[in-house]
Amino acid sequence: RTHSVIANLVGVVLKEEETFYDEDLSEAEKRIAREVAKGFSNKE
């Protein structure tokens, strides 16, 4: 349920093409951050 609430807070599904720029993070880290925001576990 917690994962579901987090996903809803960020719009349930964050589209990959949406802009997520931050010079501090690598492209791989940006992808991981987006998945974390969806409420997914590390294994997922």
PDB file of all heavy atoms in Angstrom:
ATOM      1  N   ARG A   1       0.835  -1.207   0.000  1.00  0.00           N
ATOM      2  CA  ARG A   1       0.000   0.000   0.000  1.00  0.00           C
ATOM      3  C   ARG A   1       0.868   1.255   0.000  1.00  0.00           C
ATOM      4  O   ARG A   1       0.553   2.247  -0.654  1.00  0.00           O
ATOM      5  CB  ARG A   1      -0.938   0.008   1.219  1.00  0.00           C
ATOM      6  CG  ARG A   1      -2.066  -1.013   1.140  1.00  0.00           C
ATOM      7  CD  ARG A   1      -3.143  -0.700   2.167  1.00  0.00           C
ATOM      8  NE  ARG A   1      -2.658  -0.744   3.527  1.00  0.00           N
ATOM      9  CZ  ARG A   1      -2.661  -1.837   4.287  1.00  0.00           C
ATOM     10  NH1 ARG A   1      -3.132  -2.985   3.813  1.00  0.00           N
ATOM     11  NH2 ARG A   1      -2.209  -1.796   5.531  1.00  0.00           N
ATOM     12  N   THR A   2       1.963   1.220   0.754  1.00  0.00           N
ATOM     13  CA  THR A   2       2.872   2.362   0.802  1.00  0.00           C
ATOM     14  C   THR A   2       3.461   2.643  -0.576  1.00  0.00           C
ATOM     15  O   THR A   2       3.532   3.792  -1.018  1.00  0.00           O
ATOM     16  CB  THR A   2       4.007   2.105   1.813  1.00  0.00           C
ATOM     17  OG1 THR A   2       3.449   1.899   3.107  1.00  0.00           O
ATOM     18  CG2 THR A   2       4.966   3.295   1.864  1.00  0.00           C
ATOM     19  N   HIS A   3       3.887   1.579  -1.256  1.00  0.00           N
ATOM     20  CA  HIS A   3       4.420   1.741  -2.607  1.00  0.00           C
ATOM     21  C   HIS A   3       3.362   2.340  -3.533  1.00  0.00           C
ATOM     22  O   HIS A   3       3.660   3.193  -4.379  1.00  0.00           O
ATOM     23  CB  HIS A   3       4.876   0.388  -3.155  1.00  0.00           C
ATOM     24  CG  HIS A   3       6.140  -0.096  -2.536  1.00  0.00           C
ATOM     25  ND1 HIS A   3       6.618  -1.372  -2.723  1.00  0.00           N
ATOM     26  CD2 HIS A   3       7.041   0.512  -1.720  1.00  0.00           C
ATOM     27  CE1 HIS A   3       7.753  -1.527  -2.055  1.00  0.00           C
ATOM     28  NE2 HIS A   3       8.020  -0.394  -1.447  1.00  0.00           N
ATOM     29  N   SER A   4       2.131   1.889  -3.357  1.00  0.00           N
ATOM     30  CA  SER A   4       1.052   2.388  -4.200  1.00  0.00           C
ATOM     31  C   SER A   4       0.804   3.876  -3.959  1.00  0.00           C
ATOM     32  O   SER A   4       0.596   4.653  -4.897  1.00  0.00           O
ATOM     33  CB  SER A   4      -0.236   1.602  -3.933  1.00  0.00           C
ATOM     34  OG  SER A   4      -1.314   2.103  -4.687  1.00  0.00           O
ATOM     35  N   VAL A   5       0.838   4.285  -2.682  1.00  0.00           N
ATOM     36  CA  VAL A   5       0.631   5.694  -2.349  1.00  0.00           C
ATOM     37  C   VAL A   5       1.738   6.553  -2.948  1.00  0.00           C
ATOM     38  O   VAL A   5       1.480   7.625  -3.516  1.00  0.00           O
ATOM     39  CB  VAL A   5       0.574   5.879  -0.814  1.00  0.00           C
ATOM     40  CG1 VAL A   5       0.653   7.353  -0.451  1.00  0.00           C
ATOM     41  CG2 VAL A   5      -0.706   5.267  -0.252  1.00  0.00           C
ATOM     42  N   ILE A   6       2.987   6.096  -2.831  1.00  0.00           N
ATOM     43  CA  ILE A   6       4.108   6.848  -3.401  1.00  0.00           C
ATOM     44  C   ILE A   6       3.936   6.987  -4.908  1.00  0.00           C
ATOM     45  O   ILE A   6       4.153   8.056  -5.485  1.00  0.00           O
ATOM     46  CB  ILE A   6       5.450   6.170  -3.063  1.00  0.00           C
ATOM     47  CG1 ILE A   6       5.733   6.268  -1.557  1.00  0.00           C
ATOM     48  CG2 ILE A   6       6.587   6.808  -3.845  1.00  0.00           C
ATOM     49  CD1 ILE A   6       6.965   5.519  -1.106  1.00  0.00           C
ATOM     50  N   ALA A   7       3.529   5.893  -5.551  1.00  0.00           N
ATOM     51  CA  ALA A   7       3.322   5.928  -7.003  1.00  0.00           C
ATOM     52  C   ALA A   7       2.248   6.939  -7.369  1.00  0.00           C
ATOM     53  O   ALA A   7       2.383   7.688  -8.344  1.00  0.00           O
ATOM     54  CB  ALA A   7       2.944   4.544  -7.517  1.00  0.00           C
ATOM     55  N   ASN A   8       1.176   6.982  -6.587  1.00  0.00           N
ATOM     56  CA  ASN A   8       0.106   7.935  -6.861  1.00  0.00           C
ATOM     57  C   ASN A   8       0.569   9.372  -6.680  1.00  0.00           C
ATOM     58  O   ASN A   8       0.170  10.270  -7.413  1.00  0.00           O
ATOM     59  CB  ASN A   8      -1.095   7.666  -5.959  1.00  0.00           C
ATOM     60  CG  ASN A   8      -1.846   6.408  -6.348  1.00  0.00           C
ATOM     61  OD1 ASN A   8      -1.830   6.012  -7.520  1.00  0.00           O
ATOM     62  ND2 ASN A   8      -2.486   5.768  -5.391  1.00  0.00           N
ATOM     63  N   LEU A   9       1.420   9.587  -5.683  1.00  0.00           N
ATOM     64  CA  LEU A   9       1.914  10.936  -5.424  1.00  0.00           C
ATOM     65  C   LEU A   9       2.728  11.483  -6.590  1.00  0.00           C
ATOM     66  O   LEU A   9       2.765  12.683  -6.836  1.00  0.00           O
ATOM     67  CB  LEU A   9       2.764  10.956  -4.147  1.00  0.00           C
ATOM     68  CG  LEU A   9       2.008  10.827  -2.819  1.00  0.00           C
ATOM     69  CD1 LEU A   9       2.995  10.717  -1.667  1.00  0.00           C
ATOM     70  CD2 LEU A   9       1.081  12.017  -2.618  1.00  0.00           C
ATOM     71  N   VAL A  10       3.386  10.598  -7.300  1.00  0.00           N
ATOM     72  CA  VAL A  10       4.209  11.051  -8.428  1.00  0.00           C
ATOM     73  C   VAL A  10       3.511  10.808  -9.766  1.00  0.00           C
ATOM     74  O   VAL A  10       4.139  10.784 -10.821  1.00  0.00           O
ATOM     75  CB  VAL A  10       5.589  10.355  -8.415  1.00  0.00           C
ATOM     76  CG1 VAL A  10       6.359  10.709  -7.187  1.00  0.00           C
ATOM     77  CG2 VAL A  10       5.442   8.846  -8.566  1.00  0.00           C
ATOM     78  N   GLY A  11       2.186  10.616  -9.698  1.00  0.00           N
ATOM     79  CA  GLY A  11       1.434  10.481 -10.940  1.00  0.00           C
ATOM     80  C   GLY A  11       1.273   9.066 -11.416  1.00  0.00           C
ATOM     81  O   GLY A  11       0.969   8.846 -12.597  1.00  0.00           O
ATOM     82  N   VAL A  12       1.508   8.077 -10.508  1.00  0.00           N
ATOM     83  CA  VAL A  12       1.374   6.650 -10.767  1.00  0.00           C
ATOM     84  C   VAL A  12       2.427   6.155 -11.759  1.00  0.00           C
ATOM     85  O   VAL A  12       3.226   5.309 -11.447  1.00  0.00           O
ATOM     86  CB  VAL A  12      -0.042   6.281 -11.247  1.00  0.00           C
ATOM     87  CG1 VAL A  12      -0.147   4.771 -11.436  1.00  0.00           C
ATOM     88  CG2 VAL A  12      -1.086   6.755 -10.261  1.00  0.00           C
ATOM     89  N   VAL A  13       2.412   6.678 -12.961  1.00  0.00           N
ATOM     90  CA  VAL A  13       3.404   6.257 -13.948  1.00  0.00           C
ATOM     91  C   VAL A  13       4.125   7.485 -14.478  1.00  0.00           C
ATOM     92  O   VAL A  13       3.498   8.368 -15.051  1.00  0.00           O
ATOM     93  CB  VAL A  13       2.739   5.518 -15.138  1.00  0.00           C
ATOM     94  CG1 VAL A  13       3.787   5.161 -16.178  1.00  0.00           C
ATOM     95  CG2 VAL A  13       2.002   4.280 -14.648  1.00  0.00           C
ATOM     96  N   LEU A  14       5.424   7.548 -14.245  1.00  0.00           N
ATOM     97  CA  LEU A  14       6.222   8.660 -14.769  1.00  0.00           C
ATOM     98  C   LEU A  14       6.762   8.257 -16.135  1.00  0.00           C
ATOM     99  O   LEU A  14       7.504   7.282 -16.257  1.00  0.00           O
ATOM    100  CB  LEU A  14       7.389   8.976 -13.810  1.00  0.00           C
ATOM    101  CG  LEU A  14       6.990   9.442 -12.421  1.00  0.00           C
ATOM    102  CD1 LEU A  14       8.211   9.594 -11.544  1.00  0.00           C
ATOM    103  CD2 LEU A  14       6.212  10.734 -12.492  1.00  0.00           C
ATOM    104  N   LYS A  15       6.381   8.967 -17.180  1.00  0.00           N
ATOM    105  CA  LYS A  15       6.793   8.612 -18.531  1.00  0.00           C
ATOM    106  C   LYS A  15       8.297   8.808 -18.700  1.00  0.00           C
ATOM    107  O   LYS A  15       8.872   9.786 -18.257  1.00  0.00           O
ATOM    108  CB  LYS A  15       6.045   9.466 -19.544  1.00  0.00           C
ATOM    109  CG  LYS A  15       4.547   9.236 -19.539  1.00  0.00           C
ATOM    110  CD  LYS A  15       3.844  10.142 -20.542  1.00  0.00           C
ATOM    111  CE  LYS A  15       2.340   9.909 -20.491  1.00  0.00           C
ATOM    112  NZ  LYS A  15       1.625  10.801 -21.442  1.00  0.00           N
ATOM    113  N   GLU A  16       8.901   7.839 -19.360  1.00  0.00           N
ATOM    114  CA  GLU A  16      10.345   7.896 -19.539  1.00  0.00           C
ATOM    115  C   GLU A  16      10.782   9.144 -20.307  1.00  0.00           C
ATOM    116  O   GLU A  16      11.877   9.651 -20.109  1.00  0.00           O
ATOM    117  CB  GLU A  16      10.825   6.638 -20.295  1.00  0.00           C
ATOM    118  CG  GLU A  16      10.761   5.372 -19.489  1.00  0.00           C
ATOM    119  CD  GLU A  16      11.702   5.415 -18.309  1.00  0.00           C
ATOM    120  OE1 GLU A  16      12.755   6.055 -18.405  1.00  0.00           O
ATOM    121  OE2 GLU A  16      11.380   4.801 -17.283  1.00  0.00           O
ATOM    122  N   GLU A  17       9.920   9.621 -21.234  1.00  0.00           N
ATOM    123  CA  GLU A  17      10.321  10.758 -22.031  1.00  0.00           C
ATOM    124  C   GLU A  17      10.202  12.086 -21.307  1.00  0.00           C
ATOM    125  O   GLU A  17      10.646  13.127 -21.818  1.00  0.00           O
ATOM    126  CB  GLU A  17       9.502  10.823 -23.332  1.00  0.00           C
ATOM    127  CG  GLU A  17       8.012  11.043 -23.142  1.00  0.00           C
ATOM    128  CD  GLU A  17       7.244   9.752 -23.055  1.00  0.00           C
ATOM    129  OE1 GLU A  17       7.890   8.735 -22.696  1.00  0.00           O
ATOM    130  OE2 GLU A  17       6.038   9.745 -23.340  1.00  0.00           O
ATOM    131  N   GLU A  18       9.578  12.111 -20.116  1.00  0.00           N
ATOM    132  CA  GLU A  18       9.471  13.352 -19.365  1.00  0.00           C
ATOM    133  C   GLU A  18      10.858  13.815 -18.937  1.00  0.00           C
ATOM    134  O   GLU A  18      11.721  13.022 -18.585  1.00  0.00           O
ATOM    135  CB  GLU A  18       8.572  13.166 -18.143  1.00  0.00           C
ATOM    136  CG  GLU A  18       7.103  12.996 -18.499  1.00  0.00           C
ATOM    137  CD  GLU A  18       6.260  12.800 -17.267  1.00  0.00           C
ATOM    138  OE1 GLU A  18       6.727  12.125 -16.341  1.00  0.00           O
ATOM    139  OE2 GLU A  18       5.143  13.314 -17.241  1.00  0.00           O
ATOM    140  N   THR A  19      11.058  15.103 -18.944  1.00  0.00           N
ATOM    141  CA  THR A  19      12.387  15.649 -18.673  1.00  0.00           C
ATOM    142  C   THR A  19      12.759  15.496 -17.204  1.00  0.00           C
ATOM    143  O   THR A  19      12.003  15.850 -16.325  1.00  0.00           O
ATOM    144  CB  THR A  19      12.430  17.145 -19.032  1.00  0.00           C
ATOM    145  OG1 THR A  19      12.026  17.292 -20.381  1.00  0.00           O
ATOM    146  CG2 THR A  19      13.828  17.708 -18.839  1.00  0.00           C
ATOM    147  N   PHE A  20      13.937  14.965 -16.973  1.00  0.00           N
ATOM    148  CA  PHE A  20      14.437  14.838 -15.609  1.00  0.00           C
ATOM    149  C   PHE A  20      15.936  15.152 -15.655  1.00  0.00           C
ATOM    150  O   PHE A  20      16.764  14.273 -15.787  1.00  0.00           O
ATOM    151  CB  PHE A  20      14.183  13.435 -15.075  1.00  0.00           C
ATOM    152  CG  PHE A  20      14.751  13.195 -13.701  1.00  0.00           C
ATOM    153  CD1 PHE A  20      14.384  13.995 -12.640  1.00  0.00           C
ATOM    154  CD2 PHE A  20      15.666  12.179 -13.480  1.00  0.00           C
ATOM    155  CE1 PHE A  20      14.904  13.786 -11.385  1.00  0.00           C
ATOM    156  CE2 PHE A  20      16.189  11.965 -12.225  1.00  0.00           C
ATOM    157  CZ  PHE A  20      15.805  12.763 -11.185  1.00  0.00           C
ATOM    158  N   TYR A  21      16.272  16.439 -15.635  1.00  0.00           N
ATOM    159  CA  TYR A  21      17.645  16.862 -15.777  1.00  0.00           C
ATOM    160  C   TYR A  21      18.244  17.209 -14.420  1.00  0.00           C
ATOM    161  O   TYR A  21      17.646  17.914 -13.630  1.00  0.00           O
ATOM    162  CB  TYR A  21      17.736  18.102 -16.676  1.00  0.00           C
ATOM    163  CG  TYR A  21      17.315  17.840 -18.101  1.00  0.00           C
ATOM    164  CD1 TYR A  21      16.182  18.452 -18.624  1.00  0.00           C
ATOM    165  CD2 TYR A  21      18.046  16.978 -18.907  1.00  0.00           C
ATOM    166  CE1 TYR A  21      15.793  18.218 -19.934  1.00  0.00           C
ATOM    167  CE2 TYR A  21      17.663  16.735 -20.209  1.00  0.00           C
ATOM    168  CZ  TYR A  21      16.540  17.357 -20.724  1.00  0.00           C
ATOM    169  OH  TYR A  21      16.148  17.116 -22.003  1.00  0.00           O
ATOM    170  N   ASP A  22      19.416  16.717 -14.204  1.00  0.00           N
ATOM    171  CA  ASP A  22      20.172  17.133 -13.029  1.00  0.00           C
ATOM    172  C   ASP A  22      21.626  16.761 -13.283  1.00  0.00           C
ATOM    173  O   ASP A  22      21.955  15.589 -13.457  1.00  0.00           O
ATOM    174  CB  ASP A  22      19.669  16.451 -11.763  1.00  0.00           C
ATOM    175  CG  ASP A  22      20.251  17.113 -10.526  1.00  0.00           C
ATOM    176  OD1 ASP A  22      21.425  16.854 -10.246  1.00  0.00           O
ATOM    177  OD2 ASP A  22      19.536  17.878  -9.871  1.00  0.00           O
ATOM    178  N   GLU A  23      22.490  17.752 -13.325  1.00  0.00           N
ATOM    179  CA  GLU A  23      23.871  17.503 -13.708  1.00  0.00           C
ATOM    180  C   GLU A  23      24.611  16.629 -12.711  1.00  0.00           C
ATOM    181  O   GLU A  23      25.635  16.041 -13.052  1.00  0.00           O
ATOM    182  CB  GLU A  23      24.600  18.843 -13.884  1.00  0.00           C
ATOM    183  CG  GLU A  23      24.065  19.678 -15.050  1.00  0.00           C
ATOM    184  CD  GLU A  23      24.800  20.989 -15.192  1.00  0.00           C
ATOM    185  OE1 GLU A  23      25.688  21.256 -14.355  1.00  0.00           O
ATOM    186  OE2 GLU A  23      24.482  21.730 -16.137  1.00  0.00           O
ATOM    187  N   ASP A  24      24.111  16.557 -11.486  1.00  0.00           N
ATOM    188  CA  ASP A  24      24.790  15.753 -10.468  1.00  0.00           C
ATOM    189  C   ASP A  24      24.675  14.259 -10.747  1.00  0.00           C
ATOM    190  O   ASP A  24      25.524  13.470 -10.324  1.00  0.00           O
ATOM    191  CB  ASP A  24      24.199  16.021  -9.083  1.00  0.00           C
ATOM    192  CG  ASP A  24      24.508  17.424  -8.589  1.00  0.00           C
ATOM    193  OD1 ASP A  24      25.375  18.065  -9.202  1.00  0.00           O
ATOM    194  OD2 ASP A  24      23.892  17.859  -7.619  1.00  0.00           O
ATOM    195  N   LEU A  25      23.609  13.849 -11.423  1.00  0.00           N
ATOM    196  CA  LEU A  25      23.317  12.437 -11.591  1.00  0.00           C
ATOM    197  C   LEU A  25      23.644  11.942 -12.994  1.00  0.00           C
ATOM    198  O   LEU A  25      23.429  12.651 -13.978  1.00  0.00           O
ATOM    199  CB  LEU A  25      21.838  12.160 -11.298  1.00  0.00           C
ATOM    200  CG  LEU A  25      21.312  12.594  -9.926  1.00  0.00           C
ATOM    201  CD1 LEU A  25      19.844  12.223  -9.797  1.00  0.00           C
ATOM    202  CD2 LEU A  25      22.129  11.986  -8.804  1.00  0.00           C
ATOM    203  N   SER A  26      24.138  10.713 -13.052  1.00  0.00           N
ATOM    204  CA  SER A  26      24.370  10.088 -14.348  1.00  0.00           C
ATOM    205  C   SER A  26      23.033   9.651 -14.939  1.00  0.00           C
ATOM    206  O   SER A  26      22.006   9.635 -14.251  1.00  0.00           O
ATOM    207  CB  SER A  26      25.285   8.872 -14.184  1.00  0.00           C
ATOM    208  OG  SER A  26      24.610   7.850 -13.467  1.00  0.00           O
ATOM    209  N   GLU A  27      23.036   9.276 -16.224  1.00  0.00           N
ATOM    210  CA  GLU A  27      21.806   8.816 -16.857  1.00  0.00           C
ATOM    211  C   GLU A  27      21.267   7.568 -16.157  1.00  0.00           C
ATOM    212  O   GLU A  27      20.062   7.413 -15.976  1.00  0.00           O
ATOM    213  CB  GLU A  27      22.047   8.530 -18.341  1.00  0.00           C
ATOM    214  CG  GLU A  27      22.270   9.775 -19.184  1.00  0.00           C
ATOM    215  CD  GLU A  27      21.105  10.744 -19.084  1.00  0.00           C
ATOM    216  OE1 GLU A  27      19.942  10.288 -19.132  1.00  0.00           O
ATOM    217  OE2 GLU A  27      21.350  11.956 -18.945  1.00  0.00           O
ATOM    218  N   ALA A  28      22.173   6.679 -15.753  1.00  0.00           N
ATOM    219  CA  ALA A  28      21.746   5.461 -15.052  1.00  0.00           C
ATOM    220  C   ALA A  28      21.096   5.807 -13.722  1.00  0.00           C
ATOM    221  O   ALA A  28      20.069   5.230 -13.339  1.00  0.00           O
ATOM    222  CB  ALA A  28      22.939   4.540 -14.835  1.00  0.00           C
ATOM    223  N   GLU A  29      21.669   6.789 -13.009  1.00  0.00           N
ATOM    224  CA  GLU A  29      21.116   7.189 -11.719  1.00  0.00           C
ATOM    225  C   GLU A  29      19.762   7.863 -11.885  1.00  0.00           C
ATOM    226  O   GLU A  29      18.868   7.692 -11.051  1.00  0.00           O
ATOM    227  CB  GLU A  29      22.103   8.116 -11.003  1.00  0.00           C
ATOM    228  CG  GLU A  29      23.340   7.376 -10.505  1.00  0.00           C
ATOM    229  CD  GLU A  29      24.497   8.297 -10.183  1.00  0.00           C
ATOM    230  OE1 GLU A  29      24.396   9.517 -10.427  1.00  0.00           O
ATOM    231  OE2 GLU A  29      25.530   7.781  -9.707  1.00  0.00           O
ATOM    232  N   LYS A  30      19.579   8.615 -12.976  1.00  0.00           N
ATOM    233  CA  LYS A  30      18.286   9.229 -13.245  1.00  0.00           C
ATOM    234  C   LYS A  30      17.213   8.163 -13.470  1.00  0.00           C
ATOM    235  O   LYS A  30      16.085   8.281 -12.973  1.00  0.00           O
ATOM    236  CB  LYS A  30      18.377  10.151 -14.463  1.00  0.00           C
ATOM    237  CG  LYS A  30      19.240  11.377 -14.249  1.00  0.00           C
ATOM    238  CD  LYS A  30      19.409  12.141 -15.560  1.00  0.00           C
ATOM    239  CE  LYS A  30      20.409  13.285 -15.410  1.00  0.00           C
ATOM    240  NZ  LYS A  30      20.661  13.986 -16.674  1.00  0.00           N
ATOM    241  N   ARG A  31      17.574   7.122 -14.226  1.00  0.00           N
ATOM    242  CA  ARG A  31      16.613   6.036 -14.472  1.00  0.00           C
ATOM    243  C   ARG A  31      16.238   5.351 -13.160  1.00  0.00           C
ATOM    244  O   ARG A  31      15.061   5.063 -12.914  1.00  0.00           O
ATOM    245  CB  ARG A  31      17.194   5.018 -15.448  1.00  0.00           C
ATOM    246  CG  ARG A  31      17.323   5.524 -16.882  1.00  0.00           C
ATOM    247  CD  ARG A  31      17.523   4.383 -17.856  1.00  0.00           C
ATOM    248  NE  ARG A  31      18.728   3.617 -17.554  1.00  0.00           N
ATOM    249  CZ  ARG A  31      19.924   3.913 -18.049  1.00  0.00           C
ATOM    250  NH1 ARG A  31      20.086   4.951 -18.850  1.00  0.00           N
ATOM    251  NH2 ARG A  31      20.971   3.171 -17.739  1.00  0.00           N
ATOM    252  N   ILE A  32      17.251   5.082 -12.326  1.00  0.00           N
ATOM    253  CA  ILE A  32      16.996   4.430 -11.041  1.00  0.00           C
ATOM    254  C   ILE A  32      16.106   5.315 -10.175  1.00  0.00           C
ATOM    255  O   ILE A  32      15.155   4.844  -9.532  1.00  0.00           O
ATOM    256  CB  ILE A  32      18.314   4.141 -10.302  1.00  0.00           C
ATOM    257  CG1 ILE A  32      19.188   3.162 -11.093  1.00  0.00           C
ATOM    258  CG2 ILE A  32      18.038   3.602  -8.898  1.00  0.00           C
ATOM    259  CD1 ILE A  32      18.627   1.782 -11.235  1.00  0.00           C
ATOM    260  N   ALA A  33      16.382   6.633 -10.148  1.00  0.00           N
ATOM    261  CA  ALA A  33      15.591   7.564  -9.330  1.00  0.00           C
ATOM    262  C   ALA A  33      14.137   7.555  -9.760  1.00  0.00           C
ATOM    263  O   ALA A  33      13.222   7.596  -8.927  1.00  0.00           O
ATOM    264  CB  ALA A  33      16.175   8.971  -9.427  1.00  0.00           C
ATOM    265  N   ARG A  34      13.887   7.505 -11.082  1.00  0.00           N
ATOM    266  CA  ARG A  34      12.510   7.475 -11.563  1.00  0.00           C
ATOM    267  C   ARG A  34      11.792   6.208 -11.110  1.00  0.00           C
ATOM    268  O   ARG A  34      10.614   6.243 -10.750  1.00  0.00           O
ATOM    269  CB  ARG A  34      12.475   7.585 -13.097  1.00  0.00           C
ATOM    270  CG  ARG A  34      12.723   9.000 -13.616  1.00  0.00           C
ATOM    271  CD  ARG A  34      12.369   9.113 -15.091  1.00  0.00           C
ATOM    272  NE  ARG A  34      13.320   8.404 -15.927  1.00  0.00           N
ATOM    273  CZ  ARG A  34      14.366   8.971 -16.522  1.00  0.00           C
ATOM    274  NH1 ARG A  34      14.603  10.257 -16.357  1.00  0.00           N
ATOM    275  NH2 ARG A  34      15.173   8.266 -17.296  1.00  0.00           N
ATOM    276  N   GLU A  35      12.512   5.083 -11.117  1.00  0.00           N
ATOM    277  CA  GLU A  35      11.899   3.824 -10.688  1.00  0.00           C
ATOM    278  C   GLU A  35      11.623   3.835  -9.183  1.00  0.00           C
ATOM    279  O   GLU A  35      10.604   3.305  -8.726  1.00  0.00           O
ATOM    280  CB  GLU A  35      12.806   2.639 -11.055  1.00  0.00           C
ATOM    281  CG  GLU A  35      13.049   2.463 -12.543  1.00  0.00           C
ATOM    282  CD  GLU A  35      11.762   2.295 -13.317  1.00  0.00           C
ATOM    283  OE1 GLU A  35      10.951   1.434 -12.951  1.00  0.00           O
ATOM    284  OE2 GLU A  35      11.559   3.041 -14.297  1.00  0.00           O
ATOM    285  N   VAL A  36      12.536   4.424  -8.413  1.00  0.00           N
ATOM    286  CA  VAL A  36      12.309   4.562  -6.969  1.00  0.00           C
ATOM    287  C   VAL A  36      11.049   5.379  -6.724  1.00  0.00           C
ATOM    288  O   VAL A  36      10.222   5.057  -5.868  1.00  0.00           O
ATOM    289  CB  VAL A  36      13.521   5.239  -6.287  1.00  0.00           C
ATOM    290  CG1 VAL A  36      13.181   5.628  -4.847  1.00  0.00           C
ATOM    291  CG2 VAL A  36      14.727   4.314  -6.299  1.00  0.00           C
ATOM    292  N   ALA A  37      10.878   6.451  -7.504  1.00  0.00           N
ATOM    293  CA  ALA A  37       9.715   7.323  -7.342  1.00  0.00           C
ATOM    294  C   ALA A  37       8.409   6.618  -7.674  1.00  0.00           C
ATOM    295  O   ALA A  37       7.348   7.004  -7.189  1.00  0.00           O
ATOM    296  CB  ALA A  37       9.872   8.573  -8.213  1.00  0.00           C
ATOM    297  N   LYS A  38       8.478   5.595  -8.496  1.00  0.00           N
ATOM    298  CA  LYS A  38       7.279   4.824  -8.819  1.00  0.00           C
ATOM    299  C   LYS A  38       6.870   3.893  -7.673  1.00  0.00           C
ATOM    300  O   LYS A  38       5.808   3.278  -7.715  1.00  0.00           O
ATOM    301  CB  LYS A  38       7.499   3.997 -10.083  1.00  0.00           C
ATOM    302  CG  LYS A  38       7.691   4.822 -11.348  1.00  0.00           C
ATOM    303  CD  LYS A  38       8.008   3.918 -12.536  1.00  0.00           C
ATOM    304  CE  LYS A  38       8.340   4.730 -13.775  1.00  0.00           C
ATOM    305  NZ  LYS A  38       8.715   3.862 -14.921  1.00  0.00           N
ATOM    306  N   GLY A  39       7.745   3.772  -6.674  1.00  0.00           N
ATOM    307  CA  GLY A  39       7.430   2.921  -5.537  1.00  0.00           C
ATOM    308  C   GLY A  39       7.945   1.515  -5.674  1.00  0.00           C
ATOM    309  O   GLY A  39       7.590   0.633  -4.883  1.00  0.00           O
ATOM    310  N   PHE A  40       8.805   1.259  -6.675  1.00  0.00           N
ATOM    311  CA  PHE A  40       9.314  -0.087  -6.890  1.00  0.00           C
ATOM    312  C   PHE A  40      10.406  -0.433  -5.883  1.00  0.00           C
ATOM    313  O   PHE A  40      11.187   0.431  -5.468  1.00  0.00           O
ATOM    314  CB  PHE A  40       9.879  -0.241  -8.297  1.00  0.00           C
ATOM    315  CG  PHE A  40       8.836  -0.177  -9.387  1.00  0.00           C
ATOM    316  CD1 PHE A  40       9.163   0.245 -10.663  1.00  0.00           C
ATOM    317  CD2 PHE A  40       7.528  -0.539  -9.131  1.00  0.00           C
ATOM    318  CE1 PHE A  40       8.211   0.307 -11.669  1.00  0.00           C
ATOM    319  CE2 PHE A  40       6.557  -0.481 -10.121  1.00  0.00           C
ATOM    320  CZ  PHE A  40       6.903  -0.059 -11.391  1.00  0.00           C
ATOM    321  N   SER A  41      10.484  -1.706  -5.509  1.00  0.00           N
ATOM    322  CA  SER A  41      11.554  -2.191  -4.648  1.00  0.00           C
ATOM    323  C   SER A  41      12.829  -2.335  -5.472  1.00  0.00           C
ATOM    324  O   SER A  41      12.801  -2.290  -6.712  1.00  0.00           O
ATOM    325  CB  SER A  41      11.188  -3.553  -4.050  1.00  0.00           C
ATOM    326  OG  SER A  41      11.148  -4.544  -5.067  1.00  0.00           O
ATOM    327  N   ASN A  42      13.959  -2.538  -4.788  1.00  0.00           N
ATOM    328  CA  ASN A  42      15.223  -2.698  -5.509  1.00  0.00           C
ATOM    329  C   ASN A  42      15.178  -3.894  -6.457  1.00  0.00           C
ATOM    330  O   ASN A  42      15.698  -3.832  -7.567  1.00  0.00           O
ATOM    331  CB  ASN A  42      16.379  -2.867  -4.519  1.00  0.00           C
ATOM    332  CG  ASN A  42      16.703  -1.579  -3.798  1.00  0.00           C
ATOM    333  OD1 ASN A  42      16.149  -0.531  -4.111  1.00  0.00           O
ATOM    334  ND2 ASN A  42      17.585  -1.637  -2.823  1.00  0.00           N
ATOM    335  N   LYS A  43      14.558  -4.977  -6.032  1.00  0.00           N
ATOM    336  CA  LYS A  43      14.484  -6.156  -6.895  1.00  0.00           C
ATOM    337  C   LYS A  43      13.609  -5.889  -8.110  1.00  0.00           C
ATOM    338  O   LYS A  43      13.922  -6.315  -9.228  1.00  0.00           O
ATOM    339  CB  LYS A  43      13.957  -7.358  -6.119  1.00  0.00           C
ATOM    340  CG  LYS A  43      14.054  -8.652  -6.928  1.00  0.00           C
ATOM    341  CD  LYS A  43      13.691  -9.854  -6.110  1.00  0.00           C
ATOM    342  CE  LYS A  43      14.011 -11.132  -6.866  1.00  0.00           C
ATOM    343  NZ  LYS A  43      13.522 -11.118  -8.248  1.00  0.00           N
ATOM    344  N   GLU A  44      12.507  -5.187  -7.902  1.00  0.00           N
ATOM    345  CA  GLU A  44      11.630  -4.851  -9.019  1.00  0.00           C
ATOM    346  C   GLU A  44      12.337  -3.926 -10.014  1.00  0.00           C
ATOM    347  O   GLU A  44      12.180  -4.077 -11.233  1.00  0.00           O
ATOM    348  CB  GLU A  44      10.353  -4.199  -8.495  1.00  0.00           C
ATOM    349  CG  GLU A  44       9.434  -5.176  -7.766  1.00  0.00           C
ATOM    350  CD  GLU A  44       8.299  -4.479  -7.031  1.00  0.00           C
ATOM    351  OE1 GLU A  44       8.471  -3.308  -6.629  1.00  0.00           O
ATOM    352  OE2 GLU A  44       7.253  -5.112  -6.847  1.00  0.00           O
TER     353      GLU A  44
END
